[in-house]
Amino acid sequence: MKSLFSLLFLFISFTVLQAQNNTLQDSVLIKKGSSWSYYDLDYLENNYWKEKQLLSPKWKKGNAPLGYNMKNINTVISYGKDSLNKNLTAYFHKILYIKDVSKFYAYKLNIRRDDGAIIYINGNEVWRTNMPYIDNITAYTKSLKIVKAKEEKEFFTKVFTPSFFINGVNIIAVELHQRGKVTTDAVFDLELIGSNDFTYLSDIFKHQNNQNVKLKDEVKDLHHRIQMEIKNAELTQIKIKLSVTKYSFYVLILLFIIIAILLYRLWNLRKKEKKEYKNIIEDLNKDKSIKEEELLSQSLRGIQNKQHIEQLKYDINLIANKSTIAKSDIKRIVQKIDFNLSQENEEWHDLQKHFNSVHSDFLNRMNKEFSPLTQTEIKHCCLIKLHLSTKEIARYLHISPRSVQASRYRIKKKLLLDESIDLKEFIINY
């Protein structure tokens, strides 16, 4: 659009000037040997200097030609601290005031550069001379070639339309690039002429035509790149979908394996628990059988004791009916009583065994902590622990209820209990 406007502007200007038959003279806007601001300390990484009027105090001023190691240099610039590692780039800046840019058909720029240069007008790049056409030009970009001795004094020319300038203040900025860090010399000078010479129109038209062709090629290339990016994006989406599907399949397989492992472990756990329950039931059944046998044995002993008592009663009645009591008869009754007592000791052993299973460690603690207690007193404590009444304890121990109370008193004294403490409550909670 800018190019078309420039062509239209030139055509209208040409028509008007032809009609008026008025020829304007060329005007030198920037003379050779003019004063320039320059920066030669190090590299500039930002672009502010290309479009700003006010510069850092580090910028210096000097008349062109500017450079080093060449004859007829007006201002010597620095190449850095090391002659074998010179700075690749130097920077130049000038403010140009143009009241009316339409005053001229064309603007002719002549530049002397060693080695390469990039020219900016109001922050926009307008020309590269002896520089590579790459997207990212930096302070470390080298020129295309080394300028030979016969070209060092030569000025290179390019013609611009007024559209590159604005009415008022314009900023002309130049980057001077070297081919290498061991370059022998450098030079810069620039001239800008405003011209109404019609011979430049053909150059401008040619330049604009080249620009249009270049623009068309760039548009075509951009369209091609966009199409390629669209295709690449579509391929990427397809790959992503395939990748997601693939990963989803792997995740499903992994989940299936995890579930299978969990189910297998659960099955093993259930199997183990079932086996444990079976063993517990078998143990309980064995305990039940043992308990039943013990109960049967106790029942039999109870029947036998009853038979012994009835037999003793019968023998005593026979002796009572005799006029004289024989010593042998009494001895026989005592033997039966001794036998019955031995059976009672066996019953106490069984009772003690069952008591320990219910009240574990009770007897051991009683024997350990209260050693003065007799075996009968230990039995008495066990019967209290079993919540037997005084009469039941008397009947079991074959003593009177009063004797039970007396025995409790003795036990309480041996346990060193206060009178306010109830023995029965103490033993039950022990």
Protein backbone atom coordinates (compact mmCIF):
# COMPACT_ATOMS: atom_id res chain seq x y z
CA MET A 1 0.00 0.00 0.00
CA LYS A 2 2.87 2.34 0.83
CA SER A 3 4.53 1.60 -2.50
CA LEU A 4 1.31 2.30 -4.47
CA PHE A 5 0.85 5.57 -2.59
CA SER A 6 4.42 6.55 -3.45
CA LEU A 7 3.92 5.80 -7.14
CA LEU A 8 0.64 7.71 -7.17
CA PHE A 9 2.31 10.62 -5.40
CA LEU A 10 5.15 10.69 -7.93
CA PHE A 11 2.77 10.49 -10.87
CA ILE A 12 0.64 13.39 -9.62
CA SER A 13 3.72 15.45 -8.78
CA PHE A 14 5.20 14.78 -12.20
CA THR A 15 1.96 15.82 -13.94
CA VAL A 16 1.63 19.00 -11.93
CA LEU A 17 5.24 19.98 -12.47
CA GLN A 18 5.00 19.29 -16.19
CA ALA A 19 1.93 21.47 -16.38
CA GLN A 20 3.61 24.31 -14.49
CA ASN A 21 6.91 23.79 -16.35
CA ASN A 22 8.70 24.65 -13.13
CA THR A 23 12.06 23.04 -12.42
CA LEU A 24 13.42 23.02 -8.85
CA GLN A 25 17.11 22.69 -8.09
CA ASP A 26 18.71 19.84 -6.05
CA SER A 27 19.37 20.55 -2.37
CA VAL A 28 22.06 18.93 -0.17
CA LEU A 29 20.34 18.04 3.11
CA ILE A 30 23.34 16.28 4.71
CA LYS A 31 26.77 17.26 3.43
CA LYS A 32 29.79 15.02 3.22
CA GLY A 33 32.01 15.68 6.23
CA SER A 34 29.03 16.69 8.40
CA SER A 35 28.99 16.34 12.17
CA TRP A 36 27.61 13.07 13.57
CA SER A 37 26.95 11.66 17.02
CA TYR A 38 28.73 8.32 17.40
CA TYR A 39 29.08 5.50 19.95
CA ASP A 40 32.22 3.33 19.98
CA LEU A 41 32.55 2.05 23.57
CA ASP A 42 30.86 -1.32 23.25
CA TYR A 43 27.77 -2.96 21.76
CA LEU A 44 24.22 -1.54 21.95
CA GLU A 45 21.66 -4.26 22.61
CA ASN A 46 18.52 -2.05 22.36
CA ASN A 47 17.10 0.01 19.50
CA TYR A 48 16.15 3.23 21.33
CA TRP A 49 18.95 5.21 19.65
CA LYS A 50 17.49 4.60 16.17
CA GLU A 51 14.45 6.81 16.78
CA LYS A 52 15.20 9.02 19.81
CA GLN A 53 16.55 12.58 19.59
CA LEU A 54 18.15 12.60 23.04
CA LEU A 55 21.06 10.19 23.50
CA SER A 56 23.15 9.01 26.44
CA PRO A 57 26.09 11.24 27.52
CA LYS A 58 28.36 8.38 26.45
CA TRP A 59 27.73 9.34 22.83
CA LYS A 60 30.43 11.57 21.28
CA LYS A 61 30.40 14.02 18.36
CA GLY A 62 32.74 14.33 15.40
CA ASN A 63 32.94 15.30 11.73
CA ALA A 64 32.96 12.73 8.94
CA PRO A 65 34.78 10.84 7.68
CA LEU A 66 34.83 8.90 10.94
CA GLY A 67 36.95 5.77 11.37
CA TYR A 68 40.43 4.50 12.15
CA ASN A 69 43.70 3.47 10.41
CA MET A 70 42.89 5.42 7.23
CA LYS A 71 44.16 8.66 5.62
CA ASN A 72 42.10 11.85 5.63
CA ILE A 73 40.02 10.79 8.65
CA ASN A 74 38.49 13.79 10.44
CA THR A 75 37.41 11.89 13.56
CA VAL A 76 39.18 8.79 14.87
CA ILE A 77 36.83 6.38 16.63
CA SER A 78 37.78 3.59 19.06
CA TYR A 79 37.81 -0.06 18.05
CA GLY A 80 38.07 -1.29 21.65
CA LYS A 81 40.91 -2.24 23.96
CA ASP A 82 42.35 -5.12 21.94
CA SER A 83 43.61 -4.65 18.38
CA LEU A 84 43.24 -8.39 17.79
CA ASN A 85 39.71 -8.41 19.12
CA LYS A 86 38.15 -5.22 17.75
CA ASN A 87 34.51 -4.24 18.14
CA LEU A 88 32.49 -5.45 15.17
CA THR A 89 30.01 -2.56 15.24
CA ALA A 90 30.03 1.24 15.58
CA TYR A 91 26.93 3.46 15.73
CA PHE A 92 26.17 6.86 14.13
CA HIS A 93 23.22 9.20 14.70
CA LYS A 94 22.02 12.47 13.13
CA ILE A 95 18.94 14.68 13.44
CA LEU A 96 17.60 16.08 10.15
CA TYR A 97 14.83 18.67 9.90
CA ILE A 98 12.73 18.68 6.68
CA LYS A 99 9.97 21.24 6.56
CA ASP A 100 8.14 19.71 3.55
CA VAL A 101 9.12 16.27 2.31
CA SER A 102 7.01 16.69 -0.84
CA LYS A 103 9.30 19.47 -2.03
CA PHE A 104 11.45 16.84 -3.81
CA TYR A 105 10.61 13.94 -6.10
CA ALA A 106 13.42 11.83 -4.74
CA TYR A 107 16.01 11.63 -1.98
CA LYS A 108 19.43 10.35 -3.00
CA LEU A 109 21.54 8.81 -0.24
CA ASN A 110 25.29 8.39 -0.81
CA ILE A 111 27.24 6.40 1.79
CA ARG A 112 30.89 5.58 2.23
CA ARG A 113 31.28 2.47 4.38
CA ASP A 114 34.02 0.06 5.34
CA ASP A 115 32.98 -2.70 5.57
CA GLY A 116 29.14 -2.89 5.65
CA ALA A 117 26.30 -0.67 6.88
CA ILE A 118 22.60 -0.67 7.74
CA ILE A 119 20.71 2.63 7.42
CA TYR A 120 17.59 3.47 9.46
CA ILE A 121 15.23 6.44 8.94
CA ASN A 122 13.01 7.20 11.92
CA GLY A 123 13.64 3.74 13.39
CA ASN A 124 12.78 1.87 10.17
CA GLU A 125 15.45 -0.02 8.25
CA VAL A 126 15.66 1.34 4.68
CA TRP A 127 18.91 -0.07 3.26
CA ARG A 128 21.53 -2.74 3.79
CA THR A 129 24.79 -2.40 1.94
CA ASN A 130 27.36 -5.21 2.07
CA MET A 131 25.29 -6.87 4.82
CA PRO A 132 23.51 -10.25 4.87
CA TYR A 133 19.73 -10.31 4.41
CA ILE A 134 18.81 -12.28 7.50
CA ASP A 135 15.94 -11.76 9.92
CA ASN A 136 17.91 -11.14 13.09
CA ILE A 137 20.71 -8.60 12.71
CA THR A 138 22.66 -8.13 15.96
CA ALA A 139 25.73 -6.20 17.08
CA TYR A 140 27.76 -9.35 16.37
CA THR A 141 26.61 -9.74 12.75
CA LYS A 142 29.52 -9.52 10.31
CA SER A 143 29.50 -7.82 6.90
CA LEU A 144 29.33 -9.90 3.73
CA LYS A 145 32.89 -9.18 2.59
CA ILE A 146 35.98 -7.10 3.25
CA VAL A 147 36.06 -3.81 1.33
CA LYS A 148 39.11 -3.60 -0.91
CA ALA A 149 41.39 -0.57 -0.97
CA LYS A 150 39.92 0.92 -4.18
CA GLU A 151 36.38 0.73 -2.72
CA GLU A 152 37.25 2.38 0.61
CA LYS A 153 36.80 5.90 -0.84
CA GLU A 154 33.77 5.00 -2.98
CA PHE A 155 30.27 6.27 -2.18
CA PHE A 156 27.37 3.86 -2.78
CA THR A 157 24.05 5.40 -3.86
CA LYS A 158 20.38 4.59 -3.31
CA VAL A 159 17.33 6.70 -4.19
CA PHE A 160 14.27 6.92 -1.89
CA THR A 161 10.80 8.37 -2.26
CA PRO A 162 9.53 11.09 0.09
CA SER A 163 7.37 8.47 1.85
CA PHE A 164 10.40 7.40 3.92
CA PHE A 165 10.58 10.79 5.60
CA ILE A 166 8.20 12.92 7.65
CA ASN A 167 7.64 16.64 7.88
CA GLY A 168 9.71 18.00 10.73
CA VAL A 169 12.37 16.10 12.66
CA ASN A 170 13.82 12.93 11.10
CA ILE A 171 16.36 10.58 12.71
CA ILE A 172 19.08 9.14 10.45
CA ALA A 173 20.84 6.20 12.16
CA VAL A 174 23.61 3.99 10.79
CA GLU A 175 25.23 0.79 12.04
CA LEU A 176 28.74 0.22 10.66
CA HIS A 177 29.70 -3.51 10.69
CA GLN A 178 33.15 -5.04 10.14
CA ARG A 179 33.97 -8.33 8.47
CA GLY A 180 36.05 -9.54 11.39
CA LYS A 181 37.56 -8.63 14.75
CA VAL A 182 41.04 -8.29 13.26
CA THR A 183 39.98 -5.82 10.55
CA THR A 184 42.67 -3.27 9.65
CA ASP A 185 40.55 -0.16 9.14
CA ALA A 186 37.08 1.39 9.16
CA VAL A 187 35.40 4.48 7.66
CA PHE A 188 31.98 6.14 7.52
CA ASP A 189 30.57 9.18 5.73
CA LEU A 190 27.11 9.98 4.38
CA GLU A 191 25.47 12.48 2.06
CA LEU A 192 21.71 13.06 1.54
CA ILE A 193 20.41 15.08 -1.43
CA GLY A 194 16.83 16.13 -2.13
CA SER A 195 16.32 16.06 -5.92
CA ASN A 196 13.74 16.88 -8.57
CA ASP A 197 15.76 15.31 -11.38
CA PHE A 198 13.34 13.23 -13.51
CA THR A 199 16.10 10.77 -14.29
CA TYR A 200 15.75 9.41 -10.75
CA LEU A 201 12.10 8.55 -11.38
CA SER A 202 13.05 5.53 -13.47
CA ASP A 203 15.29 4.35 -10.63
CA ILE A 204 12.46 4.86 -8.17
CA PHE A 205 9.99 3.03 -10.41
CA LYS A 206 12.49 0.25 -10.85
CA HIS A 207 13.06 0.12 -7.11
CA GLN A 208 9.33 0.14 -6.40
CA ASN A 209 8.78 -2.56 -8.99
CA ASN A 210 11.51 -4.65 -7.37
CA GLN A 211 9.92 -3.99 -4.01
CA ASN A 212 6.52 -5.09 -5.34
CA VAL A 213 8.01 -8.26 -6.81
CA LYS A 214 9.82 -8.89 -3.55
CA LEU A 215 6.60 -8.21 -1.62
CA LYS A 216 4.67 -10.64 -3.84
CA ASP A 217 7.36 -13.26 -3.32
CA GLU A 218 7.23 -12.65 0.41
CA VAL A 219 3.42 -12.94 0.39
CA LYS A 220 3.66 -16.11 -1.66
CA ASP A 221 6.33 -17.48 0.67
CA LEU A 222 4.27 -16.46 3.70
CA HIS A 223 1.18 -18.15 2.24
CA HIS A 224 3.24 -21.27 1.61
CA ARG A 225 4.61 -21.20 5.16
CA ILE A 226 1.11 -20.70 6.59
CA GLN A 227 -0.17 -23.66 4.59
CA MET A 228 2.77 -25.74 5.78
CA GLU A 229 2.16 -24.65 9.37
CA ILE A 230 -1.53 -25.56 9.03
CA LYS A 231 -0.58 -28.98 7.68
CA ASN A 232 2.01 -29.41 10.41
CA ALA A 233 -0.56 -28.37 13.00
CA GLU A 234 -3.05 -30.89 11.60
CA LEU A 235 -0.37 -33.59 11.64
CA THR A 236 0.51 -32.59 15.19
CA GLN A 237 -3.15 -32.84 16.22
CA ILE A 238 -3.39 -36.27 14.61
CA LYS A 239 -0.20 -37.36 16.39
CA ILE A 240 -1.55 -36.00 19.68
CA LYS A 241 -4.83 -37.88 19.21
CA LEU A 242 -2.95 -41.08 18.35
CA SER A 243 -0.65 -40.52 21.30
CA VAL A 244 -3.63 -39.92 23.63
CA THR A 245 -5.33 -43.05 22.30
CA LYS A 246 -2.12 -45.01 22.75
CA TYR A 247 -1.57 -43.75 26.28
CA SER A 248 -5.25 -44.34 27.12
CA PHE A 249 -4.86 -47.94 25.95
CA TYR A 250 -1.74 -48.34 28.11
CA VAL A 251 -3.53 -46.78 31.07
CA LEU A 252 -6.46 -49.18 30.64
CA ILE A 253 -4.09 -52.13 30.49
CA LEU A 254 -2.30 -50.86 33.59
CA LEU A 255 -5.61 -50.39 35.42
CA PHE A 256 -6.69 -53.88 34.37
CA ILE A 257 -3.42 -55.33 35.71
CA ILE A 258 -3.76 -53.36 38.97
CA ILE A 259 -7.39 -54.49 39.41
CA ALA A 260 -6.40 -58.09 38.64
CA ILE A 261 -3.59 -57.91 41.24
CA LEU A 262 -5.94 -56.39 43.81
CA LEU A 263 -8.59 -59.03 43.13
CA TYR A 264 -5.97 -61.77 43.40
CA ARG A 265 -4.67 -60.36 46.69
CA LEU A 266 -8.24 -60.00 47.95
CA TRP A 267 -8.96 -63.60 46.98
CA ASN A 268 -5.81 -64.75 48.78
CA LEU A 269 -6.77 -62.67 51.80
CA ARG A 270 -10.26 -64.15 51.86
CA LYS A 271 -8.76 -67.59 51.44
CA LYS A 272 -6.34 -66.97 54.30
CA GLU A 273 -9.12 -65.55 56.51
CA LYS A 274 -11.32 -68.53 55.68
CA LYS A 275 -8.52 -70.88 56.62
CA GLU A 276 -7.91 -68.97 59.86
CA TYR A 277 -11.62 -69.04 60.67
CA LYS A 278 -11.64 -72.76 59.96
CA ASN A 279 -8.66 -73.30 62.28
CA ILE A 280 -10.35 -71.16 64.96
CA ILE A 281 -13.55 -73.18 64.63
CA GLU A 282 -11.57 -76.43 64.81
CA ASP A 283 -9.73 -75.17 67.91
CA LEU A 284 -13.02 -74.10 69.47
CA ASN A 285 -14.51 -77.50 68.69
CA LYS A 286 -11.47 -79.16 70.27
CA ASP A 287 -11.80 -76.92 73.32
CA LYS A 288 -15.49 -77.72 73.41
CA SER A 289 -14.79 -81.45 73.31
CA ILE A 290 -12.19 -81.05 76.08
CA LYS A 291 -14.60 -79.00 78.17
CA GLU A 292 -17.35 -81.55 77.62
CA GLU A 293 -14.98 -84.33 78.69
CA GLU A 294 -13.98 -82.31 81.76
CA LEU A 295 -17.64 -81.62 82.60
CA LEU A 296 -18.41 -85.31 82.15
CA SER A 297 -15.47 -86.16 84.38
CA GLN A 298 -16.63 -83.70 87.01
CA SER A 299 -20.15 -85.08 86.80
CA LEU A 300 -18.81 -88.59 87.28
CA ARG A 301 -16.72 -87.46 90.24
CA GLY A 302 -19.80 -85.77 91.65
CA ILE A 303 -21.76 -89.00 91.31
CA GLN A 304 -18.88 -90.93 92.84
CA ASN A 305 -18.68 -88.48 95.77
CA LYS A 306 -22.39 -88.83 96.30
CA GLN A 307 -22.04 -92.62 96.27
CA HIS A 308 -19.12 -92.38 98.73
CA ILE A 309 -21.19 -90.21 101.05
CA GLU A 310 -24.16 -92.60 100.83
CA GLN A 311 -21.81 -95.52 101.51
CA LEU A 312 -20.33 -93.64 104.49
CA LYS A 313 -23.83 -92.95 105.74
CA TYR A 314 -24.73 -96.62 105.39
CA ASP A 315 -21.55 -97.76 107.17
CA ILE A 316 -22.08 -95.24 109.97
CA ASN A 317 -25.67 -96.49 110.41
CA LEU A 318 -24.42 -100.10 110.63
CA ILE A 319 -21.86 -99.11 113.25
CA ALA A 320 -24.49 -97.13 115.14
CA ASN A 321 -26.74 -100.25 115.33
CA LYS A 322 -23.92 -102.38 116.78
CA SER A 323 -23.56 -102.68 120.50
CA THR A 324 -19.82 -102.29 120.23
CA ILE A 325 -17.80 -100.24 117.75
CA ALA A 326 -14.88 -102.07 116.24
CA LYS A 327 -11.66 -100.21 115.55
CA SER A 328 -11.46 -101.75 112.10
CA ASP A 329 -14.84 -100.30 111.17
CA ILE A 330 -13.71 -96.75 112.05
CA LYS A 331 -10.45 -97.28 110.19
CA ARG A 332 -12.35 -98.39 107.11
CA ILE A 333 -14.53 -95.22 107.20
CA VAL A 334 -11.43 -92.98 107.59
CA GLN A 335 -9.87 -94.64 104.56
CA LYS A 336 -12.95 -93.89 102.51
CA ILE A 337 -12.90 -90.23 103.70
CA ASP A 338 -9.19 -89.95 102.76
CA PHE A 339 -9.95 -91.31 99.33
CA ASN A 340 -12.75 -88.79 98.91
CA LEU A 341 -10.40 -85.95 99.97
CA SER A 342 -7.85 -87.02 97.41
CA GLN A 343 -10.57 -86.74 94.78
CA GLU A 344 -11.31 -83.22 96.03
CA ASN A 345 -7.63 -82.28 95.55
CA GLU A 346 -7.89 -83.44 91.95
CA GLU A 347 -11.04 -81.34 91.51
CA TRP A 348 -9.16 -78.29 92.90
CA HIS A 349 -6.41 -78.87 90.39
CA ASP A 350 -8.97 -78.81 87.55
CA LEU A 351 -10.69 -75.77 89.03
CA GLN A 352 -7.33 -73.98 89.29
CA LYS A 353 -6.63 -74.76 85.64
CA HIS A 354 -9.95 -73.29 84.47
CA PHE A 355 -9.60 -70.35 86.84
CA ASN A 356 -6.23 -69.41 85.31
CA SER A 357 -7.72 -69.48 81.82
CA VAL A 358 -10.35 -66.94 82.89
CA HIS A 359 -8.33 -64.86 85.35
CA SER A 360 -4.82 -65.08 83.96
CA ASP A 361 -1.94 -64.36 86.34
CA PHE A 362 -4.22 -63.94 89.38
CA LEU A 363 -2.81 -66.87 91.34
CA ASN A 364 0.79 -66.05 90.39
CA ARG A 365 0.37 -62.47 91.56
CA MET A 366 -1.29 -63.55 94.82
CA ASN A 367 1.49 -66.02 95.57
CA LYS A 368 4.18 -63.50 94.66
CA GLU A 369 2.77 -60.43 96.40
CA PHE A 370 1.18 -62.19 99.42
CA SER A 371 3.43 -65.19 100.11
CA PRO A 372 2.26 -65.77 103.70
CA LEU A 373 -1.15 -67.02 102.40
CA THR A 374 -1.81 -70.73 102.85
CA GLN A 375 -3.14 -72.99 100.12
CA THR A 376 -6.59 -72.99 101.75
CA GLU A 377 -6.57 -69.18 101.92
CA ILE A 378 -5.57 -69.04 98.24
CA LYS A 379 -8.56 -71.30 97.49
CA HIS A 380 -10.74 -68.99 99.53
CA CYS A 381 -9.56 -65.94 97.48
CA CYS A 382 -10.24 -67.79 94.23
CA LEU A 383 -13.79 -68.63 95.34
CA ILE A 384 -14.38 -64.98 96.27
CA LYS A 385 -13.05 -63.98 92.81
CA LEU A 386 -15.65 -66.34 91.31
CA HIS A 387 -18.40 -64.41 93.18
CA LEU A 388 -19.41 -67.36 95.36
CA SER A 389 -21.48 -66.59 98.45
CA THR A 390 -20.36 -67.32 102.02
CA LYS A 391 -22.53 -70.46 102.22
CA GLU A 392 -21.24 -71.75 98.88
CA ILE A 393 -17.65 -71.21 99.99
CA ALA A 394 -18.36 -72.95 103.34
CA ARG A 395 -19.90 -75.92 101.55
CA TYR A 396 -16.96 -76.15 99.11
CA LEU A 397 -14.30 -75.88 101.84
CA HIS A 398 -16.27 -78.19 104.21
CA ILE A 399 -16.39 -75.56 106.95
CA SER A 400 -19.11 -73.55 108.65
CA PRO A 401 -20.13 -70.03 107.48
CA ARG A 402 -18.68 -68.63 110.73
CA SER A 403 -15.36 -70.26 109.94
CA VAL A 404 -15.53 -68.59 106.49
CA GLN A 405 -15.87 -65.19 108.20
CA ALA A 406 -12.95 -65.96 110.50
CA SER A 407 -10.84 -67.04 107.54
CA ARG A 408 -11.64 -63.78 105.71
CA TYR A 409 -10.53 -61.79 108.75
CA ARG A 410 -7.18 -63.60 108.80
CA ILE A 411 -6.72 -63.08 105.05
CA LYS A 412 -7.48 -59.36 105.38
CA LYS A 413 -4.83 -59.01 108.10
CA LYS A 414 -2.24 -60.82 105.97
CA LEU A 415 -3.02 -58.53 103.03
CA LEU A 416 -2.49 -55.54 105.31
CA LEU A 417 -5.85 -54.07 104.35
CA ASP A 418 -7.49 -51.25 106.26
CA GLU A 419 -10.65 -52.13 108.20
CA SER A 420 -12.74 -49.86 105.95
CA ILE A 421 -11.77 -51.88 102.85
CA ASP A 422 -14.05 -54.73 101.93
CA LEU A 423 -12.07 -57.93 101.22
CA LYS A 424 -14.54 -59.22 98.66
CA GLU A 425 -14.49 -55.95 96.68
CA PHE A 426 -10.67 -55.81 96.86
CA ILE A 427 -10.23 -59.35 95.48
CA ILE A 428 -12.82 -58.91 92.75
CA ASN A 429 -11.07 -55.76 91.52
CA TYR A 430 -7.55 -57.16 92.00
